[in-house]
């Protein structure tokens, strides 16, 4: 039974960690964006404000946590104690899984205020790239806008 508990716990953790990937940086494109022309404008970053970006919950955290918690809880006691342990494990695991998923799917971002070459101001929020790091005030940047309305800022 311990092997099953370890396997379920490892599976739950793998599912949750798999949810946490960089998808909102200036250099990350999804398959629908590839090959789409974008309007390019040049600008200079006027100000930067750190933000947290929270991705919508998939429900995988609560499901995986509840399953793992139910298995662990079922090992507690015998008879009615086992049933109560399972119920408590499902509830606690579900809550813990939800909190873990939220934590894993909250990323560091920046709200960038940019003065474009035509002297207009825009603001864009995006995730900080682990590869290139944060953008800074005074940097000259390219502002890429897709026909679908998505805008990204890159060096």
C-alpha atoms as a PDB file:
ATOM      1  CA  UNK A   1       0.000   0.000   0.000  1.00  0.00           C
ATOM      2  CA  UNK A   2       2.898   2.360   0.701  1.00  0.00           C
ATOM      3  CA  UNK A   3       4.038   1.956  -2.916  1.00  0.00           C
ATOM      4  CA  UNK A   4       0.607   3.085  -4.106  1.00  0.00           C
ATOM      5  CA  UNK A   5       0.728   6.109  -1.788  1.00  0.00           C
ATOM      6  CA  UNK A   6       4.169   7.097  -3.076  1.00  0.00           C
ATOM      7  CA  UNK A   7       3.086   6.568  -6.690  1.00  0.00           C
ATOM      8  CA  UNK A   8      -0.035   8.718  -6.244  1.00  0.00           C
ATOM      9  CA  UNK A   9       1.921  11.441  -4.462  1.00  0.00           C
ATOM     10  CA  UNK A  10       4.577  11.495  -7.198  1.00  0.00           C
ATOM     11  CA  UNK A  11       1.897  11.576  -9.899  1.00  0.00           C
ATOM     12  CA  UNK A  12       0.078  14.457  -8.196  1.00  0.00           C
ATOM     13  CA  UNK A  13       3.282  16.447  -7.829  1.00  0.00           C
ATOM     14  CA  UNK A  14       4.234  15.798 -11.468  1.00  0.00           C
ATOM     15  CA  UNK A  15       0.828  17.024 -12.644  1.00  0.00           C
ATOM     16  CA  UNK A  16       1.085  20.166 -10.572  1.00  0.00           C
ATOM     17  CA  UNK A  17       4.655  21.003 -11.566  1.00  0.00           C
ATOM     18  CA  UNK A  18       3.734  20.403 -15.196  1.00  0.00           C
ATOM     19  CA  UNK A  19       1.192  23.200 -14.909  1.00  0.00           C
ATOM     20  CA  UNK A  20       3.893  25.723 -14.010  1.00  0.00           C
ATOM     21  CA  UNK A  21       5.615  26.808 -17.191  1.00  0.00           C
ATOM     22  CA  UNK A  22       6.428  30.169 -18.717  1.00  0.00           C
ATOM     23  CA  UNK A  23       3.658  31.060 -21.126  1.00  0.00           C
ATOM     24  CA  UNK A  24       3.187  34.793 -20.698  1.00  0.00           C
ATOM     25  CA  UNK A  25       6.624  36.218 -21.464  1.00  0.00           C
ATOM     26  CA  UNK A  26       7.434  38.489 -24.371  1.00  0.00           C
ATOM     27  CA  UNK A  27       9.242  35.654 -26.138  1.00  0.00           C
ATOM     28  CA  UNK A  28       6.683  32.862 -25.654  1.00  0.00           C
ATOM     29  CA  UNK A  29       4.334  32.100 -28.547  1.00  0.00           C
ATOM     30  CA  UNK A  30       1.540  29.550 -28.744  1.00  0.00           C
ATOM     31  CA  UNK A  31       0.868  27.591 -31.930  1.00  0.00           C
ATOM     32  CA  UNK A  32      -1.925  29.945 -33.088  1.00  0.00           C
ATOM     33  CA  UNK A  33       0.434  32.952 -32.898  1.00  0.00           C
ATOM     34  CA  UNK A  34       3.217  31.448 -35.000  1.00  0.00           C
ATOM     35  CA  UNK A  35       3.243  32.765 -38.554  1.00  0.00           C
ATOM     36  CA  UNK A  36       0.921  35.688 -37.733  1.00  0.00           C
ATOM     37  CA  UNK A  37       2.122  39.145 -38.802  1.00  0.00           C
ATOM     38  CA  UNK A  38       2.503  41.624 -35.969  1.00  0.00           C
ATOM     39  CA  UNK A  39       2.684  45.385 -35.934  1.00  0.00           C
ATOM     40  CA  UNK A  40       6.048  46.517 -34.531  1.00  0.00           C
ATOM     41  CA  UNK A  41       6.386  49.860 -32.735  1.00  0.00           C
ATOM     42  CA  UNK A  42       9.463  51.154 -30.975  1.00  0.00           C
ATOM     43  CA  UNK A  43       9.346  52.737 -27.547  1.00  0.00           C
ATOM     44  CA  UNK A  44      11.171  53.473 -24.323  1.00  0.00           C
ATOM     45  CA  UNK A  45      10.132  52.085 -20.949  1.00  0.00           C
ATOM     46  CA  UNK A  46       9.084  54.933 -18.663  1.00  0.00           C
ATOM     47  CA  UNK A  47       8.206  52.934 -15.568  1.00  0.00           C
ATOM     48  CA  UNK A  48       8.037  49.377 -14.295  1.00  0.00           C
ATOM     49  CA  UNK A  49       5.817  48.025 -11.546  1.00  0.00           C
ATOM     50  CA  UNK A  50       6.237  44.476 -10.188  1.00  0.00           C
ATOM     51  CA  UNK A  51       3.049  42.381 -10.333  1.00  0.00           C
ATOM     52  CA  UNK A  52       1.923  38.818  -9.665  1.00  0.00           C
ATOM     53  CA  UNK A  53       0.152  36.996 -12.481  1.00  0.00           C
ATOM     54  CA  UNK A  54      -2.245  34.274 -11.427  1.00  0.00           C
ATOM     55  CA  UNK A  55      -3.187  31.641 -13.989  1.00  0.00           C
ATOM     56  CA  UNK A  56      -6.699  30.188 -13.904  1.00  0.00           C
ATOM     57  CA  UNK A  57      -7.002  27.039 -11.869  1.00  0.00           C
ATOM     58  CA  UNK A  58      -7.246  23.816 -13.847  1.00  0.00           C
ATOM     59  CA  UNK A  59      -8.678  21.841 -10.932  1.00  0.00           C
ATOM     60  CA  UNK A  60      -5.849  19.306 -11.240  1.00  0.00           C
ATOM     61  CA  UNK A  61      -4.372  20.390  -7.909  1.00  0.00           C
ATOM     62  CA  UNK A  62      -7.559  19.758  -5.950  1.00  0.00           C
ATOM     63  CA  UNK A  63      -8.272  16.473  -7.746  1.00  0.00           C
ATOM     64  CA  UNK A  64      -4.758  15.103  -7.337  1.00  0.00           C
ATOM     65  CA  UNK A  65      -4.556  16.317  -3.729  1.00  0.00           C
ATOM     66  CA  UNK A  66      -7.948  14.790  -2.884  1.00  0.00           C
ATOM     67  CA  UNK A  67      -6.982  11.452  -4.445  1.00  0.00           C
ATOM     68  CA  UNK A  68      -3.644  11.318  -2.637  1.00  0.00           C
ATOM     69  CA  UNK A  69      -5.237  12.503   0.622  1.00  0.00           C
ATOM     70  CA  UNK A  70      -7.969   9.869   0.343  1.00  0.00           C
ATOM     71  CA  UNK A  71      -5.435   7.091  -0.101  1.00  0.00           C
ATOM     72  CA  UNK A  72      -3.317   8.308   2.815  1.00  0.00           C
ATOM     73  CA  UNK A  73      -6.388   8.894   4.991  1.00  0.00           C
ATOM     74  CA  UNK A  74      -7.736   5.404   4.325  1.00  0.00           C
ATOM     75  CA  UNK A  75      -4.662   3.986   6.059  1.00  0.00           C
ATOM     76  CA  UNK A  76      -5.756   5.564   9.341  1.00  0.00           C
ATOM     77  CA  UNK A  77      -7.735   3.362  11.725  1.00  0.00           C
ATOM     78  CA  UNK A  78     -10.024   0.432  11.003  1.00  0.00           C
ATOM     79  CA  UNK A  79     -13.717   0.287  10.126  1.00  0.00           C
ATOM     80  CA  UNK A  80     -15.404   3.640  10.751  1.00  0.00           C
ATOM     81  CA  UNK A  81     -12.038   5.195  11.588  1.00  0.00           C
ATOM     82  CA  UNK A  82     -10.794   4.284   8.138  1.00  0.00           C
ATOM     83  CA  UNK A  83     -13.864   5.871   6.520  1.00  0.00           C
ATOM     84  CA  UNK A  84     -13.454   9.053   8.567  1.00  0.00           C
ATOM     85  CA  UNK A  85      -9.738   9.094   7.789  1.00  0.00           C
ATOM     86  CA  UNK A  86     -10.492   8.775   4.068  1.00  0.00           C
ATOM     87  CA  UNK A  87     -13.007  11.634   4.182  1.00  0.00           C
ATOM     88  CA  UNK A  88     -10.628  13.849   6.149  1.00  0.00           C
ATOM     89  CA  UNK A  89      -7.794  12.937   3.778  1.00  0.00           C
ATOM     90  CA  UNK A  90      -9.876  13.806   0.709  1.00  0.00           C
ATOM     91  CA  UNK A  91     -10.865  17.192   2.147  1.00  0.00           C
ATOM     92  CA  UNK A  92      -7.381  18.079   3.423  1.00  0.00           C
ATOM     93  CA  UNK A  93      -5.704  16.821   0.255  1.00  0.00           C
ATOM     94  CA  UNK A  94      -8.123  18.763  -1.938  1.00  0.00           C
ATOM     95  CA  UNK A  95      -7.513  22.005  -0.049  1.00  0.00           C
ATOM     96  CA  UNK A  96      -3.744  21.441  -0.005  1.00  0.00           C
ATOM     97  CA  UNK A  97      -3.686  20.571  -3.712  1.00  0.00           C
ATOM     98  CA  UNK A  98      -5.644  23.702  -4.575  1.00  0.00           C
ATOM     99  CA  UNK A  99      -3.244  25.882  -2.581  1.00  0.00           C
ATOM    100  CA  UNK A 100      -0.203  24.196  -4.147  1.00  0.00           C
ATOM    101  CA  UNK A 101      -1.587  24.607  -7.674  1.00  0.00           C
ATOM    102  CA  UNK A 102      -2.307  28.299  -7.025  1.00  0.00           C
ATOM    103  CA  UNK A 103       1.212  28.823  -5.696  1.00  0.00           C
ATOM    104  CA  UNK A 104       2.805  26.996  -8.639  1.00  0.00           C
ATOM    105  CA  UNK A 105       0.670  28.912 -11.144  1.00  0.00           C
ATOM    106  CA  UNK A 106       1.358  32.388  -9.780  1.00  0.00           C
ATOM    107  CA  UNK A 107       4.284  33.982 -11.576  1.00  0.00           C
ATOM    108  CA  UNK A 108       6.320  37.157 -11.249  1.00  0.00           C
ATOM    109  CA  UNK A 109       5.427  39.795 -13.804  1.00  0.00           C
ATOM    110  CA  UNK A 110       5.863  43.422 -14.709  1.00  0.00           C
ATOM    111  CA  UNK A 111       3.474  46.173 -15.653  1.00  0.00           C
ATOM    112  CA  UNK A 112       5.424  48.205 -18.196  1.00  0.00           C
ATOM    113  CA  UNK A 113       4.529  51.798 -19.067  1.00  0.00           C
ATOM    114  CA  UNK A 114       6.036  52.590 -22.452  1.00  0.00           C
ATOM    115  CA  UNK A 115       6.293  55.853 -24.370  1.00  0.00           C
ATOM    116  CA  UNK A 116       5.992  55.057 -28.048  1.00  0.00           C
ATOM    117  CA  UNK A 117       7.745  56.994 -30.824  1.00  0.00           C
ATOM    118  CA  UNK A 118       4.538  58.952 -31.521  1.00  0.00           C
ATOM    119  CA  UNK A 119       4.732  60.144 -27.866  1.00  0.00           C
ATOM    120  CA  UNK A 120       1.678  58.132 -26.783  1.00  0.00           C
ATOM    121  CA  UNK A 121       1.782  56.020 -23.619  1.00  0.00           C
ATOM    122  CA  UNK A 122       0.741  52.377 -23.321  1.00  0.00           C
ATOM    123  CA  UNK A 123       0.848  49.887 -20.480  1.00  0.00           C
ATOM    124  CA  UNK A 124       1.490  46.158 -20.936  1.00  0.00           C
ATOM    125  CA  UNK A 125       1.551  43.444 -18.267  1.00  0.00           C
ATOM    126  CA  UNK A 126       3.619  40.338 -18.907  1.00  0.00           C
ATOM    127  CA  UNK A 127       5.562  37.611 -17.132  1.00  0.00           C
ATOM    128  CA  UNK A 128       9.264  38.133 -16.472  1.00  0.00           C
ATOM    129  CA  UNK A 129      11.321  35.843 -18.666  1.00  0.00           C
ATOM    130  CA  UNK A 130      13.676  33.525 -16.786  1.00  0.00           C
ATOM    131  CA  UNK A 131      15.969  33.629 -19.825  1.00  0.00           C
ATOM    132  CA  UNK A 132      16.303  37.375 -20.370  1.00  0.00           C
ATOM    133  CA  UNK A 133      15.293  38.765 -16.987  1.00  0.00           C
ATOM    134  CA  UNK A 134      13.204  41.835 -16.176  1.00  0.00           C
ATOM    135  CA  UNK A 135      12.874  44.873 -18.407  1.00  0.00           C
ATOM    136  CA  UNK A 136      14.058  48.172 -16.913  1.00  0.00           C
ATOM    137  CA  UNK A 137      13.104  51.847 -17.114  1.00  0.00           C
ATOM    138  CA  UNK A 138      14.986  53.658 -19.875  1.00  0.00           C
ATOM    139  CA  UNK A 139      15.362  50.575 -22.095  1.00  0.00           C
ATOM    140  CA  UNK A 140      14.447  50.871 -25.748  1.00  0.00           C
ATOM    141  CA  UNK A 141      12.035  48.070 -26.611  1.00  0.00           C
ATOM    142  CA  UNK A 142       9.958  46.683 -29.445  1.00  0.00           C
ATOM    143  CA  UNK A 143       6.215  46.540 -28.836  1.00  0.00           C
ATOM    144  CA  UNK A 144       4.648  43.743 -30.880  1.00  0.00           C
ATOM    145  CA  UNK A 145       0.874  43.787 -31.372  1.00  0.00           C
ATOM    146  CA  UNK A 146      -1.025  40.985 -33.075  1.00  0.00           C
ATOM    147  CA  UNK A 147      -4.224  41.435 -35.098  1.00  0.00           C
ATOM    148  CA  UNK A 148      -6.036  39.570 -32.301  1.00  0.00           C
ATOM    149  CA  UNK A 149      -5.075  42.235 -29.780  1.00  0.00           C
ATOM    150  CA  UNK A 150      -2.248  40.516 -27.896  1.00  0.00           C
ATOM    151  CA  UNK A 151       0.686  42.830 -27.182  1.00  0.00           C
ATOM    152  CA  UNK A 152       4.133  41.844 -25.962  1.00  0.00           C
ATOM    153  CA  UNK A 153       7.263  43.810 -25.161  1.00  0.00           C
ATOM    154  CA  UNK A 154      10.739  42.581 -26.115  1.00  0.00           C
ATOM    155  CA  UNK A 155      14.260  43.936 -26.187  1.00  0.00           C
END
